[in-house]
PDB file of all heavy atoms in Angstrom:
ATOM      1  N   ALA A   1       0.831  -1.200   0.000  1.00  0.00           N
ATOM      2  CA  ALA A   1       0.000   0.000   0.000  1.00  0.00           C
ATOM      3  C   ALA A   1       0.866   1.250   0.000  1.00  0.00           C
ATOM      4  O   ALA A   1       1.852   1.348   0.720  1.00  0.00           O
ATOM      5  CB  ALA A   1      -0.910  -0.007   1.222  1.00  0.00           C
ATOM      6  N   ALA A   2       0.502   2.201  -0.844  1.00  0.00           N
ATOM      7  CA  ALA A   2       1.200   3.483  -0.874  1.00  0.00           C
ATOM      8  C   ALA A   2       0.474   4.469   0.032  1.00  0.00           C
ATOM      9  O   ALA A   2      -0.743   4.511   0.072  1.00  0.00           O
ATOM     10  CB  ALA A   2       1.248   4.019  -2.294  1.00  0.00           C
ATOM     11  N   SER A   3       1.240   5.266   0.769  1.00  0.00           N
ATOM     12  CA  SER A   3       0.641   6.177   1.733  1.00  0.00           C
ATOM     13  C   SER A   3       1.203   7.577   1.571  1.00  0.00           C
ATOM     14  O   SER A   3       2.408   7.752   1.363  1.00  0.00           O
ATOM     15  CB  SER A   3       0.911   5.678   3.157  1.00  0.00           C
ATOM     16  OG  SER A   3       0.532   6.656   4.100  1.00  0.00           O
ATOM     17  N   THR A   4       0.342   8.574   1.682  1.00  0.00           N
ATOM     18  CA  THR A   4       0.786   9.971   1.620  1.00  0.00           C
ATOM     19  C   THR A   4       1.493  10.386   2.899  1.00  0.00           C
ATOM     20  O   THR A   4       2.101  11.459   2.947  1.00  0.00           O
ATOM     21  CB  THR A   4      -0.430  10.892   1.388  1.00  0.00           C
ATOM     22  OG1 THR A   4      -1.397  10.667   2.423  1.00  0.00           O
ATOM     23  CG2 THR A   4      -1.065  10.626   0.039  1.00  0.00           C
ATOM     24  N   GLU A   5       1.402   9.538   3.936  1.00  0.00           N
ATOM     25  CA  GLU A   5       2.037   9.875   5.200  1.00  0.00           C
ATOM     26  C   GLU A   5       3.535   9.571   5.196  1.00  0.00           C
ATOM     27  O   GLU A   5       4.252   9.961   6.106  1.00  0.00           O
ATOM     28  CB  GLU A   5       1.368   9.091   6.345  1.00  0.00           C
ATOM     29  CG  GLU A   5      -0.137   9.327   6.472  1.00  0.00           C
ATOM     30  CD  GLU A   5      -0.462  10.790   6.731  1.00  0.00           C
ATOM     31  OE1 GLU A   5       0.259  11.409   7.539  1.00  0.00           O
ATOM     32  OE2 GLU A   5      -1.417  11.308   6.120  1.00  0.00           O
ATOM     33  N   VAL A   6       4.002   8.865   4.186  1.00  0.00           N
ATOM     34  CA  VAL A   6       5.398   8.436   4.123  1.00  0.00           C
ATOM     35  C   VAL A   6       6.215   9.448   3.330  1.00  0.00           C
ATOM     36  O   VAL A   6       5.792   9.887   2.254  1.00  0.00           O
ATOM     37  CB  VAL A   6       5.497   7.037   3.470  1.00  0.00           C
ATOM     38  CG1 VAL A   6       6.940   6.612   3.317  1.00  0.00           C
ATOM     39  CG2 VAL A   6       4.725   6.015   4.302  1.00  0.00           C
ATOM     40  N   PRO A   7       7.380   9.863   3.826  1.00  0.00           N
ATOM     41  CA  PRO A   7       8.193  10.854   3.110  1.00  0.00           C
ATOM     42  C   PRO A   7       8.617  10.375   1.731  1.00  0.00           C
ATOM     43  O   PRO A   7       8.872   9.192   1.508  1.00  0.00           O
ATOM     44  CB  PRO A   7       9.417  11.034   4.023  1.00  0.00           C
ATOM     45  CG  PRO A   7       8.988  10.529   5.358  1.00  0.00           C
ATOM     46  CD  PRO A   7       7.984   9.463   5.105  1.00  0.00           C
ATOM     47  N   VAL A   8       8.689  11.333   0.807  1.00  0.00           N
ATOM     48  CA  VAL A   8       9.105  11.051  -0.562  1.00  0.00           C
ATOM     49  C   VAL A   8      10.577  11.409  -0.719  1.00  0.00           C
ATOM     50  O   VAL A   8      11.006  12.486  -0.295  1.00  0.00           O
ATOM     51  CB  VAL A   8       8.271  11.874  -1.571  1.00  0.00           C
ATOM     52  CG1 VAL A   8       8.665  11.527  -3.000  1.00  0.00           C
ATOM     53  CG2 VAL A   8       6.785  11.639  -1.348  1.00  0.00           C
ATOM     54  N   PRO A   9      11.385  10.540  -1.332  1.00  0.00           N
ATOM     55  CA  PRO A   9      12.780  10.908  -1.584  1.00  0.00           C
ATOM     56  C   PRO A   9      12.860  12.152  -2.459  1.00  0.00           C
ATOM     57  O   PRO A   9      11.987  12.397  -3.301  1.00  0.00           O
ATOM     58  CB  PRO A   9      13.334   9.684  -2.317  1.00  0.00           C
ATOM     59  CG  PRO A   9      12.430   8.564  -1.936  1.00  0.00           C
ATOM     60  CD  PRO A   9      11.073   9.178  -1.773  1.00  0.00           C
ATOM     61  N   THR A  10      13.890  12.927  -2.292  1.00  0.00           N
ATOM     62  CA  THR A  10      14.085  14.110  -3.121  1.00  0.00           C
ATOM     63  C   THR A  10      14.968  13.783  -4.315  1.00  0.00           C
ATOM     64  O   THR A  10      15.732  12.814  -4.313  1.00  0.00           O
ATOM     65  CB  THR A  10      14.758  15.238  -2.324  1.00  0.00           C
ATOM     66  OG1 THR A  10      16.088  14.814  -1.976  1.00  0.00           O
ATOM     67  CG2 THR A  10      13.974  15.571  -1.064  1.00  0.00           C
ATOM     68  N   THR A  11      14.858  14.611  -5.349  1.00  0.00           N
ATOM     69  CA  THR A  11      15.695  14.422  -6.528  1.00  0.00           C
ATOM     70  C   THR A  11      17.171  14.559  -6.164  1.00  0.00           C
ATOM     71  O   THR A  11      18.014  13.770  -6.628  1.00  0.00           O
ATOM     72  CB  THR A  11      15.317  15.436  -7.615  1.00  0.00           C
ATOM     73  OG1 THR A  11      13.963  15.191  -8.016  1.00  0.00           O
ATOM     74  CG2 THR A  11      16.232  15.333  -8.821  1.00  0.00           C
ATOM     75  N   ALA A  12      17.483  15.532  -5.308  1.00  0.00           N
ATOM     76  CA  ALA A  12      18.871  15.720  -4.895  1.00  0.00           C
ATOM     77  C   ALA A  12      19.389  14.497  -4.145  1.00  0.00           C
ATOM     78  O   ALA A  12      20.530  14.046  -4.361  1.00  0.00           O
ATOM     79  CB  ALA A  12      19.001  16.971  -4.029  1.00  0.00           C
ATOM     80  N   GLY A  13      18.566  13.924  -3.287  1.00  0.00           N
ATOM     81  CA  GLY A  13      18.979  12.760  -2.525  1.00  0.00           C
ATOM     82  C   GLY A  13      19.201  11.544  -3.411  1.00  0.00           C
ATOM     83  O   GLY A  13      20.182  10.803  -3.255  1.00  0.00           O
ATOM     84  N   LEU A  14      18.298  11.318  -4.372  1.00  0.00           N
ATOM     85  CA  LEU A  14      18.448  10.191  -5.279  1.00  0.00           C
ATOM     86  C   LEU A  14      19.631  10.385  -6.218  1.00  0.00           C
ATOM     87  O   LEU A  14      20.344   9.432  -6.542  1.00  0.00           O
ATOM     88  CB  LEU A  14      17.159   9.982  -6.086  1.00  0.00           C
ATOM     89  CG  LEU A  14      16.004   9.335  -5.316  1.00  0.00           C
ATOM     90  CD1 LEU A  14      14.707   9.451  -6.103  1.00  0.00           C
ATOM     91  CD2 LEU A  14      16.313   7.866  -5.024  1.00  0.00           C
ATOM     92  N   THR A  15      19.864  11.623  -6.628  1.00  0.00           N
ATOM     93  CA  THR A  15      21.020  11.904  -7.480  1.00  0.00           C
ATOM     94  C   THR A  15      22.316  11.566  -6.757  1.00  0.00           C
ATOM     95  O   THR A  15      23.223  10.942  -7.319  1.00  0.00           O
ATOM     96  CB  THR A  15      21.022  13.369  -7.921  1.00  0.00           C
ATOM     97  OG1 THR A  15      19.820  13.642  -8.662  1.00  0.00           O
ATOM     98  CG2 THR A  15      22.224  13.680  -8.800  1.00  0.00           C
ATOM     99  N   ALA A  16      22.394  11.955  -5.509  1.00  0.00           N
ATOM    100  CA  ALA A  16      23.592  11.654  -4.725  1.00  0.00           C
ATOM    101  C   ALA A  16      23.789  10.149  -4.560  1.00  0.00           C
ATOM    102  O   ALA A  16      24.918   9.642  -4.550  1.00  0.00           O
ATOM    103  CB  ALA A  16      23.498  12.323  -3.355  1.00  0.00           C
ATOM    104  N   ALA A  17      22.683   9.408  -4.467  1.00  0.00           N
ATOM    105  CA  ALA A  17      22.767   7.965  -4.235  1.00  0.00           C
ATOM    106  C   ALA A  17      23.061   7.175  -5.511  1.00  0.00           C
ATOM    107  O   ALA A  17      23.691   6.114  -5.456  1.00  0.00           O
ATOM    108  CB  ALA A  17      21.460   7.472  -3.617  1.00  0.00           C
ATOM    109  N   LEU A  18      22.607   7.707  -6.676  1.00  0.00           N
ATOM    110  CA  LEU A  18      22.615   6.889  -7.892  1.00  0.00           C
ATOM    111  C   LEU A  18      23.563   7.354  -8.986  1.00  0.00           C
ATOM    112  O   LEU A  18      23.940   6.547  -9.853  1.00  0.00           O
ATOM    113  CB  LEU A  18      21.189   6.838  -8.483  1.00  0.00           C
ATOM    114  CG  LEU A  18      20.105   6.232  -7.596  1.00  0.00           C
ATOM    115  CD1 LEU A  18      18.752   6.346  -8.292  1.00  0.00           C
ATOM    116  CD2 LEU A  18      20.404   4.773  -7.279  1.00  0.00           C
ATOM    117  N   GLU A  19      23.935   8.605  -9.002  1.00  0.00           N
ATOM    118  CA  GLU A  19      24.629   9.149 -10.172  1.00  0.00           C
ATOM    119  C   GLU A  19      25.958   8.458 -10.444  1.00  0.00           C
ATOM    120  O   GLU A  19      26.320   8.216 -11.603  1.00  0.00           O
ATOM    121  CB  GLU A  19      24.831  10.653 -10.007  1.00  0.00           C
ATOM    122  CG  GLU A  19      25.190  11.371 -11.301  1.00  0.00           C
ATOM    123  CD  GLU A  19      24.048  11.405 -12.307  1.00  0.00           C
ATOM    124  OE1 GLU A  19      22.889  11.162 -11.920  1.00  0.00           O
ATOM    125  OE2 GLU A  19      24.326  11.681 -13.494  1.00  0.00           O
ATOM    126  N   GLU A  20      26.687   8.118  -9.409  1.00  0.00           N
ATOM    127  CA  GLU A  20      27.977   7.466  -9.631  1.00  0.00           C
ATOM    128  C   GLU A  20      27.801   6.122 -10.335  1.00  0.00           C
ATOM    129  O   GLU A  20      28.535   5.795 -11.280  1.00  0.00           O
ATOM    130  CB  GLU A  20      28.703   7.269  -8.302  1.00  0.00           C
ATOM    131  CG  GLU A  20      30.082   6.624  -8.460  1.00  0.00           C
ATOM    132  CD  GLU A  20      30.821   6.494  -7.143  1.00  0.00           C
ATOM    133  OE1 GLU A  20      30.334   7.036  -6.123  1.00  0.00           O
ATOM    134  OE2 GLU A  20      31.885   5.842  -7.128  1.00  0.00           O
ATOM    135  N   ASP A  21      26.826   5.341  -9.906  1.00  0.00           N
ATOM    136  CA  ASP A  21      26.592   4.052 -10.554  1.00  0.00           C
ATOM    137  C   ASP A  21      25.978   4.215 -11.940  1.00  0.00           C
ATOM    138  O   ASP A  21      26.246   3.406 -12.842  1.00  0.00           O
ATOM    139  CB  ASP A  21      25.674   3.182  -9.686  1.00  0.00           C
ATOM    140  CG  ASP A  21      26.436   2.471  -8.576  1.00  0.00           C
ATOM    141  OD1 ASP A  21      27.655   2.251  -8.748  1.00  0.00           O
ATOM    142  OD2 ASP A  21      25.823   2.146  -7.547  1.00  0.00           O
ATOM    143  N   ALA A  22      25.154   5.233 -12.130  1.00  0.00           N
ATOM    144  CA  ALA A  22      24.543   5.442 -13.447  1.00  0.00           C
ATOM    145  C   ALA A  22      25.591   5.743 -14.508  1.00  0.00           C
ATOM    146  O   ALA A  22      25.348   5.542 -15.701  1.00  0.00           O
ATOM    147  CB  ALA A  22      23.518   6.577 -13.381  1.00  0.00           C
ATOM    148  N   THR A  23      26.749   6.223 -14.089  1.00  0.00           N
ATOM    149  CA  THR A  23      27.834   6.531 -15.024  1.00  0.00           C
ATOM    150  C   THR A  23      28.991   5.535 -14.915  1.00  0.00           C
ATOM    151  O   THR A  23      30.075   5.787 -15.432  1.00  0.00           O
ATOM    152  CB  THR A  23      28.355   7.955 -14.771  1.00  0.00           C
ATOM    153  OG1 THR A  23      28.794   8.074 -13.413  1.00  0.00           O
ATOM    154  CG2 THR A  23      27.279   8.988 -15.040  1.00  0.00           C
ATOM    155  N   ALA A  24      28.750   4.397 -14.264  1.00  0.00           N
ATOM    156  CA  ALA A  24      29.800   3.406 -14.057  1.00  0.00           C
ATOM    157  C   ALA A  24      30.244   2.792 -15.384  1.00  0.00           C
ATOM    158  O   ALA A  24      29.442   2.565 -16.287  1.00  0.00           O
ATOM    159  CB  ALA A  24      29.308   2.304 -13.126  1.00  0.00           C
ATOM    160  N   LYS A  25      31.523   2.498 -15.497  1.00  0.00           N
ATOM    161  CA  LYS A  25      32.079   1.922 -16.721  1.00  0.00           C
ATOM    162  C   LYS A  25      31.436   0.574 -17.049  1.00  0.00           C
ATOM    163  O   LYS A  25      31.301   0.214 -18.218  1.00  0.00           O
ATOM    164  CB  LYS A  25      33.589   1.779 -16.600  1.00  0.00           C
ATOM    165  CG  LYS A  25      34.347   3.098 -16.614  1.00  0.00           C
ATOM    166  CD  LYS A  25      35.846   2.866 -16.549  1.00  0.00           C
ATOM    167  CE  LYS A  25      36.606   4.187 -16.587  1.00  0.00           C
ATOM    168  NZ  LYS A  25      38.078   3.973 -16.513  1.00  0.00           N
ATOM    169  N   ALA A  26      31.043  -0.172 -16.031  1.00  0.00           N
ATOM    170  CA  ALA A  26      30.471  -1.497 -16.259  1.00  0.00           C
ATOM    171  C   ALA A  26      29.130  -1.450 -16.979  1.00  0.00           C
ATOM    172  O   ALA A  26      28.686  -2.453 -17.551  1.00  0.00           O
ATOM    173  CB  ALA A  26      30.316  -2.237 -14.935  1.00  0.00           C
ATOM    174  N   LEU A  27      28.462  -0.285 -16.966  1.00  0.00           N
ATOM    175  CA  LEU A  27      27.202  -0.142 -17.693  1.00  0.00           C
ATOM    176  C   LEU A  27      27.406   0.366 -19.114  1.00  0.00           C
ATOM    177  O   LEU A  27      26.484   0.294 -19.927  1.00  0.00           O
ATOM    178  CB  LEU A  27      26.244   0.807 -16.945  1.00  0.00           C
ATOM    179  CG  LEU A  27      25.731   0.330 -15.591  1.00  0.00           C
ATOM    180  CD1 LEU A  27      24.711   1.334 -15.045  1.00  0.00           C
ATOM    181  CD2 LEU A  27      25.114  -1.065 -15.682  1.00  0.00           C
ATOM    182  N   GLY A  28      28.560   0.889 -19.398  1.00  0.00           N
ATOM    183  CA  GLY A  28      28.794   1.411 -20.733  1.00  0.00           C
ATOM    184  C   GLY A  28      28.310   2.838 -20.888  1.00  0.00           C
ATOM    185  O   GLY A  28      27.915   3.503 -19.921  1.00  0.00           O
TER     186      GLY A  28
END
């Protein structure tokens, strides 16, 4: 179930978590 009471991740937070892997050499 999805709830409006649960915090939503921010774009800045997800960028910090994912950007390094999104540009990883192993993905091309």
